[in-house]
Amino acid sequence: MKSWIEKRQHKREALRIAATAVMQDGLVRQDVLVVNLSRSGAMVELCESIDLSDDFTLLFNHSLEPCHVVWRQAQFAGVQFSHVMTDEQQSHFDSSQIVDVVQDEPVRQVPRGH
């Protein structure tokens, strides 16, 4: 069995923030939930069974973040932002939105090829 190697460069924070995935130049919008967030990416939970584009814009908390899907499993997807968030962008998150801080914890491996 392969051991999982953590590749993230930034600390993740567990959140529950309503967001919108904006696809096809704004013609398609889908509600999602940001369940964890770092300066360079996020994990989102799809609110409905949709075909999430590989590249889309994540609209949340007064922020537009172009992103790319790096993994998918069931109703979850991991996305990498096109640009690392600045301290100012990250400061927009209200502490009441943060459920728990996830640090130095092994990430569960997502099965591939399903």
N, C-alpha and C. Protein backbone atom coordinates (compact mmCIF):
# COMPACT_ATOMS: atom_id res chain seq x y z
N MET A 1 0.84 -1.18 0.00
CA MET A 1 0.00 0.00 0.00
C MET A 1 0.89 1.25 0.00
N LYS A 2 0.56 2.19 -0.86
CA LYS A 2 1.33 3.42 -0.94
C LYS A 2 1.03 4.31 0.26
N SER A 3 2.06 5.00 0.73
CA SER A 3 1.81 5.97 1.79
C SER A 3 1.47 7.30 1.14
N TRP A 4 0.61 8.06 1.77
CA TRP A 4 0.15 9.34 1.24
C TRP A 4 1.15 10.42 1.62
N ILE A 5 1.57 11.20 0.64
CA ILE A 5 2.51 12.28 0.90
C ILE A 5 1.75 13.60 0.79
N GLU A 6 1.80 14.37 1.84
CA GLU A 6 1.14 15.68 1.87
C GLU A 6 1.88 16.63 0.94
N LYS A 7 1.15 17.21 -0.03
CA LYS A 7 1.77 18.11 -1.00
C LYS A 7 1.35 19.55 -0.80
N ARG A 8 0.46 19.82 0.12
CA ARG A 8 -0.02 21.18 0.31
C ARG A 8 1.06 22.06 0.90
N GLN A 9 1.11 23.31 0.42
CA GLN A 9 2.10 24.25 0.92
C GLN A 9 1.52 25.21 1.95
N HIS A 10 0.20 25.24 2.07
CA HIS A 10 -0.45 26.19 2.97
C HIS A 10 -1.40 25.47 3.92
N LYS A 11 -1.51 25.99 5.12
CA LYS A 11 -2.40 25.45 6.15
C LYS A 11 -3.85 25.51 5.68
N ARG A 12 -4.60 24.45 5.94
CA ARG A 12 -6.02 24.41 5.59
C ARG A 12 -6.86 24.76 6.81
N GLU A 13 -7.97 25.41 6.55
CA GLU A 13 -8.95 25.69 7.60
C GLU A 13 -10.27 25.06 7.19
N ALA A 14 -10.86 24.31 8.11
CA ALA A 14 -12.17 23.72 7.85
C ALA A 14 -13.21 24.83 8.00
N LEU A 15 -14.06 24.95 7.00
CA LEU A 15 -15.08 26.00 6.96
C LEU A 15 -16.40 25.41 6.52
N ARG A 16 -17.41 26.21 6.52
CA ARG A 16 -18.68 25.88 5.88
C ARG A 16 -19.18 27.19 5.29
N ILE A 17 -18.79 27.44 4.04
CA ILE A 17 -19.15 28.69 3.38
C ILE A 17 -19.92 28.37 2.10
N ALA A 18 -21.10 28.95 1.96
CA ALA A 18 -21.86 28.81 0.72
C ALA A 18 -21.11 29.53 -0.39
N ALA A 19 -21.05 28.91 -1.56
CA ALA A 19 -20.31 29.48 -2.69
C ALA A 19 -21.03 29.11 -3.98
N THR A 20 -20.54 29.66 -5.08
CA THR A 20 -21.10 29.38 -6.39
C THR A 20 -19.98 29.03 -7.35
N ALA A 21 -20.14 27.92 -8.07
CA ALA A 21 -19.22 27.57 -9.15
C ALA A 21 -19.78 28.21 -10.41
N VAL A 22 -18.99 29.09 -11.03
CA VAL A 22 -19.42 29.80 -12.24
C VAL A 22 -18.65 29.19 -13.42
N MET A 23 -19.43 28.63 -14.37
CA MET A 23 -18.82 27.93 -15.51
C MET A 23 -19.33 28.51 -16.82
N GLN A 24 -18.66 28.15 -17.89
CA GLN A 24 -19.05 28.53 -19.25
C GLN A 24 -19.31 30.03 -19.37
N ASP A 25 -18.31 30.81 -19.00
CA ASP A 25 -18.39 32.28 -19.11
C ASP A 25 -19.60 32.87 -18.39
N GLY A 26 -19.99 32.25 -17.28
CA GLY A 26 -21.09 32.78 -16.48
C GLY A 26 -22.46 32.27 -16.86
N LEU A 27 -22.55 31.46 -17.91
CA LEU A 27 -23.85 30.95 -18.35
C LEU A 27 -24.39 29.86 -17.43
N VAL A 28 -23.49 29.15 -16.74
CA VAL A 28 -23.89 28.08 -15.84
C VAL A 28 -23.36 28.40 -14.45
N ARG A 29 -24.26 28.36 -13.47
CA ARG A 29 -23.89 28.60 -12.07
C ARG A 29 -24.45 27.47 -11.22
N GLN A 30 -23.65 27.02 -10.27
CA GLN A 30 -24.07 25.92 -9.41
C GLN A 30 -23.67 26.19 -7.97
N ASP A 31 -24.61 25.99 -7.05
CA ASP A 31 -24.30 26.16 -5.63
C ASP A 31 -23.36 25.05 -5.17
N VAL A 32 -22.35 25.44 -4.40
CA VAL A 32 -21.42 24.50 -3.78
C VAL A 32 -21.17 24.97 -2.35
N LEU A 33 -20.50 24.14 -1.58
CA LEU A 33 -20.15 24.48 -0.21
C LEU A 33 -18.64 24.33 -0.06
N VAL A 34 -17.95 25.38 0.36
CA VAL A 34 -16.51 25.28 0.63
C VAL A 34 -16.37 24.65 2.01
N VAL A 35 -15.73 23.48 2.07
CA VAL A 35 -15.60 22.78 3.34
C VAL A 35 -14.20 22.86 3.94
N ASN A 36 -13.21 23.19 3.11
CA ASN A 36 -11.92 23.57 3.67
C ASN A 36 -11.22 24.48 2.68
N LEU A 37 -10.32 25.30 3.21
CA LEU A 37 -9.73 26.37 2.41
C LEU A 37 -8.30 26.61 2.83
N SER A 38 -7.44 26.82 1.85
CA SER A 38 -6.08 27.29 2.11
C SER A 38 -5.84 28.46 1.18
N ARG A 39 -4.67 29.05 1.26
CA ARG A 39 -4.36 30.18 0.38
C ARG A 39 -4.27 29.76 -1.08
N SER A 40 -4.04 28.46 -1.33
CA SER A 40 -3.84 28.01 -2.71
C SER A 40 -4.93 27.11 -3.26
N GLY A 41 -5.94 26.77 -2.45
CA GLY A 41 -7.00 25.91 -2.96
C GLY A 41 -8.07 25.63 -1.93
N ALA A 42 -8.98 24.75 -2.31
CA ALA A 42 -10.12 24.45 -1.44
C ALA A 42 -10.67 23.06 -1.76
N MET A 43 -11.46 22.54 -0.83
CA MET A 43 -12.29 21.38 -1.11
C MET A 43 -13.72 21.87 -1.12
N VAL A 44 -14.45 21.51 -2.17
CA VAL A 44 -15.84 21.93 -2.27
C VAL A 44 -16.74 20.70 -2.28
N GLU A 45 -17.93 20.88 -1.74
CA GLU A 45 -18.96 19.85 -1.79
C GLU A 45 -20.04 20.34 -2.74
N LEU A 46 -20.37 19.50 -3.71
CA LEU A 46 -21.39 19.85 -4.68
C LEU A 46 -22.76 19.66 -4.04
N CYS A 47 -23.62 20.64 -4.19
CA CYS A 47 -24.94 20.58 -3.58
C CYS A 47 -25.91 19.74 -4.40
N GLU A 48 -25.62 19.54 -5.67
CA GLU A 48 -26.42 18.71 -6.55
C GLU A 48 -25.48 17.89 -7.41
N SER A 49 -26.01 16.86 -8.03
CA SER A 49 -25.20 16.06 -8.93
C SER A 49 -25.04 16.82 -10.24
N ILE A 50 -23.86 17.41 -10.42
CA ILE A 50 -23.59 18.20 -11.62
C ILE A 50 -22.28 17.75 -12.24
N ASP A 51 -22.09 18.13 -13.48
CA ASP A 51 -20.82 17.88 -14.15
C ASP A 51 -19.98 19.14 -13.99
N LEU A 52 -19.16 19.16 -12.97
CA LEU A 52 -18.32 20.32 -12.68
C LEU A 52 -17.21 20.41 -13.71
N SER A 53 -17.08 21.56 -14.35
CA SER A 53 -16.02 21.78 -15.34
C SER A 53 -14.65 21.65 -14.69
N ASP A 54 -13.65 21.27 -15.49
CA ASP A 54 -12.28 21.17 -14.97
C ASP A 54 -11.76 22.54 -14.53
N ASP A 55 -12.19 23.58 -15.22
CA ASP A 55 -11.79 24.95 -14.89
C ASP A 55 -13.05 25.79 -14.72
N PHE A 56 -13.12 26.52 -13.61
CA PHE A 56 -14.28 27.37 -13.34
C PHE A 56 -13.86 28.47 -12.38
N THR A 57 -14.77 29.37 -12.10
CA THR A 57 -14.51 30.44 -11.13
C THR A 57 -15.35 30.17 -9.89
N LEU A 58 -14.71 30.22 -8.74
CA LEU A 58 -15.40 30.02 -7.47
C LEU A 58 -15.73 31.39 -6.89
N LEU A 59 -17.00 31.65 -6.70
CA LEU A 59 -17.49 32.92 -6.15
C LEU A 59 -17.91 32.66 -4.71
N PHE A 60 -17.19 33.30 -3.76
CA PHE A 60 -17.54 33.13 -2.35
C PHE A 60 -16.98 34.28 -1.54
N ASN A 61 -17.75 34.68 -0.55
CA ASN A 61 -17.31 35.68 0.42
C ASN A 61 -16.70 36.91 -0.26
N HIS A 62 -17.40 37.44 -1.27
CA HIS A 62 -16.97 38.64 -2.01
C HIS A 62 -15.65 38.42 -2.74
N SER A 63 -15.37 37.20 -3.13
CA SER A 63 -14.13 36.87 -3.82
C SER A 63 -14.43 36.03 -5.06
N LEU A 64 -13.74 36.30 -6.14
CA LEU A 64 -13.81 35.50 -7.37
C LEU A 64 -12.46 34.82 -7.54
N GLU A 65 -12.43 33.49 -7.47
CA GLU A 65 -11.17 32.76 -7.57
C GLU A 65 -11.22 31.78 -8.74
N PRO A 66 -10.51 32.09 -9.85
CA PRO A 66 -10.39 31.11 -10.92
C PRO A 66 -9.67 29.88 -10.38
N CYS A 67 -10.16 28.69 -10.72
CA CYS A 67 -9.55 27.49 -10.17
C CYS A 67 -9.62 26.32 -11.15
N HIS A 68 -8.87 25.28 -10.80
CA HIS A 68 -8.77 24.06 -11.61
C HIS A 68 -9.01 22.86 -10.69
N VAL A 69 -9.83 21.92 -11.13
CA VAL A 69 -10.11 20.71 -10.35
C VAL A 69 -8.89 19.79 -10.41
N VAL A 70 -8.39 19.39 -9.24
CA VAL A 70 -7.24 18.48 -9.19
C VAL A 70 -7.64 17.06 -8.77
N TRP A 71 -8.79 16.91 -8.12
CA TRP A 71 -9.33 15.58 -7.82
C TRP A 71 -10.84 15.68 -7.61
N ARG A 72 -11.51 14.55 -7.79
CA ARG A 72 -12.96 14.45 -7.58
C ARG A 72 -13.26 13.10 -6.93
N GLN A 73 -14.24 13.09 -6.04
CA GLN A 73 -14.76 11.84 -5.50
C GLN A 73 -16.16 12.09 -5.00
N ALA A 74 -17.11 11.33 -5.54
CA ALA A 74 -18.52 11.48 -5.20
C ALA A 74 -18.92 12.94 -5.33
N GLN A 75 -19.45 13.53 -4.25
CA GLN A 75 -19.91 14.92 -4.32
C GLN A 75 -18.83 15.93 -3.92
N PHE A 76 -17.58 15.50 -3.79
CA PHE A 76 -16.49 16.39 -3.38
C PHE A 76 -15.50 16.61 -4.52
N ALA A 77 -14.86 17.77 -4.50
CA ALA A 77 -13.79 18.07 -5.46
C ALA A 77 -12.74 18.93 -4.78
N GLY A 78 -11.49 18.67 -5.10
CA GLY A 78 -10.39 19.50 -4.64
C GLY A 78 -9.99 20.43 -5.76
N VAL A 79 -9.87 21.72 -5.46
CA VAL A 79 -9.53 22.69 -6.49
C VAL A 79 -8.28 23.47 -6.10
N GLN A 80 -7.52 23.83 -7.11
CA GLN A 80 -6.33 24.67 -6.91
C GLN A 80 -6.63 26.03 -7.53
N PHE A 81 -6.40 27.09 -6.77
CA PHE A 81 -6.62 28.45 -7.28
C PHE A 81 -5.54 28.81 -8.29
N SER A 82 -5.91 29.64 -9.26
CA SER A 82 -4.94 30.10 -10.26
C SER A 82 -3.85 30.95 -9.64
N HIS A 83 -4.19 31.66 -8.56
CA HIS A 83 -3.24 32.52 -7.85
C HIS A 83 -3.39 32.27 -6.36
N VAL A 84 -2.30 32.33 -5.64
CA VAL A 84 -2.34 32.18 -4.18
C VAL A 84 -3.03 33.41 -3.59
N MET A 85 -3.96 33.18 -2.67
CA MET A 85 -4.69 34.28 -2.03
C MET A 85 -3.73 35.14 -1.21
N THR A 86 -3.97 36.43 -1.19
CA THR A 86 -3.17 37.36 -0.40
C THR A 86 -3.66 37.35 1.05
N ASP A 87 -2.87 37.94 1.94
CA ASP A 87 -3.30 38.08 3.33
C ASP A 87 -4.59 38.88 3.40
N GLU A 88 -4.72 39.90 2.57
CA GLU A 88 -5.93 40.74 2.58
C GLU A 88 -7.15 39.92 2.16
N GLN A 89 -7.02 39.10 1.12
CA GLN A 89 -8.14 38.26 0.70
C GLN A 89 -8.52 37.28 1.79
N GLN A 90 -7.54 36.69 2.42
CA GLN A 90 -7.81 35.71 3.47
C GLN A 90 -8.42 36.36 4.70
N SER A 91 -8.11 37.63 4.93
CA SER A 91 -8.65 38.32 6.11
C SER A 91 -10.14 38.60 6.00
N HIS A 92 -10.72 38.43 4.81
CA HIS A 92 -12.15 38.67 4.62
C HIS A 92 -13.01 37.57 5.24
N PHE A 93 -12.40 36.47 5.63
CA PHE A 93 -13.18 35.38 6.20
C PHE A 93 -13.45 35.65 7.67
N ASP A 94 -14.70 35.68 8.01
CA ASP A 94 -15.15 35.94 9.37
C ASP A 94 -14.83 34.72 10.22
N SER A 95 -14.31 34.93 11.41
CA SER A 95 -13.93 33.81 12.28
C SER A 95 -15.11 32.92 12.64
N SER A 96 -16.33 33.42 12.56
CA SER A 96 -17.50 32.59 12.86
C SER A 96 -17.73 31.56 11.77
N GLN A 97 -17.12 31.75 10.59
CA GLN A 97 -17.27 30.79 9.50
C GLN A 97 -16.32 29.61 9.67
N ILE A 98 -15.29 29.78 10.48
CA ILE A 98 -14.29 28.74 10.65
C ILE A 98 -14.78 27.75 11.69
N VAL A 99 -14.92 26.49 11.27
CA VAL A 99 -15.41 25.45 12.16
C VAL A 99 -14.26 24.90 12.98
N ASP A 100 -13.14 24.65 12.32
CA ASP A 100 -12.00 24.02 12.98
C ASP A 100 -10.78 24.24 12.11
N VAL A 101 -9.63 24.35 12.71
CA VAL A 101 -8.39 24.49 11.95
C VAL A 101 -7.78 23.10 11.80
N VAL A 102 -7.44 22.73 10.59
CA VAL A 102 -6.88 21.42 10.31
C VAL A 102 -5.39 21.60 10.04
N GLN A 103 -4.55 21.09 10.95
CA GLN A 103 -3.11 21.25 10.80
C GLN A 103 -2.42 19.91 11.03
N ASP A 104 -1.33 19.73 10.32
CA ASP A 104 -0.45 18.57 10.54
C ASP A 104 -1.23 17.27 10.68
N GLU A 105 -2.27 17.13 9.92
CA GLU A 105 -3.10 15.95 9.97
C GLU A 105 -2.98 15.24 8.63
N PRO A 106 -2.76 13.93 8.62
CA PRO A 106 -2.66 13.26 7.34
C PRO A 106 -3.97 13.42 6.56
N VAL A 107 -3.83 13.61 5.29
CA VAL A 107 -5.00 13.76 4.43
C VAL A 107 -5.41 12.39 3.96
N ARG A 108 -6.71 12.11 3.98
CA ARG A 108 -7.15 10.80 3.52
C ARG A 108 -6.89 10.70 2.03
N GLN A 109 -6.48 9.53 1.61
CA GLN A 109 -6.18 9.35 0.20
C GLN A 109 -7.48 9.17 -0.56
N VAL A 110 -7.59 9.84 -1.67
CA VAL A 110 -8.78 9.75 -2.50
C VAL A 110 -8.53 8.66 -3.53
N PRO A 111 -9.38 7.61 -3.55
CA PRO A 111 -9.19 6.55 -4.54
C PRO A 111 -9.29 7.11 -5.96
N ARG A 112 -8.44 6.66 -6.83
CA ARG A 112 -8.42 7.12 -8.23
C ARG A 112 -9.06 6.06 -9.13
N GLY A 113 -9.55 6.52 -10.25
CA GLY A 113 -10.01 5.59 -11.27
C GLY A 113 -11.40 5.04 -11.07
N HIS A 114 -12.24 5.70 -10.29
CA HIS A 114 -13.62 5.22 -10.10
C HIS A 114 -14.57 6.03 -10.89
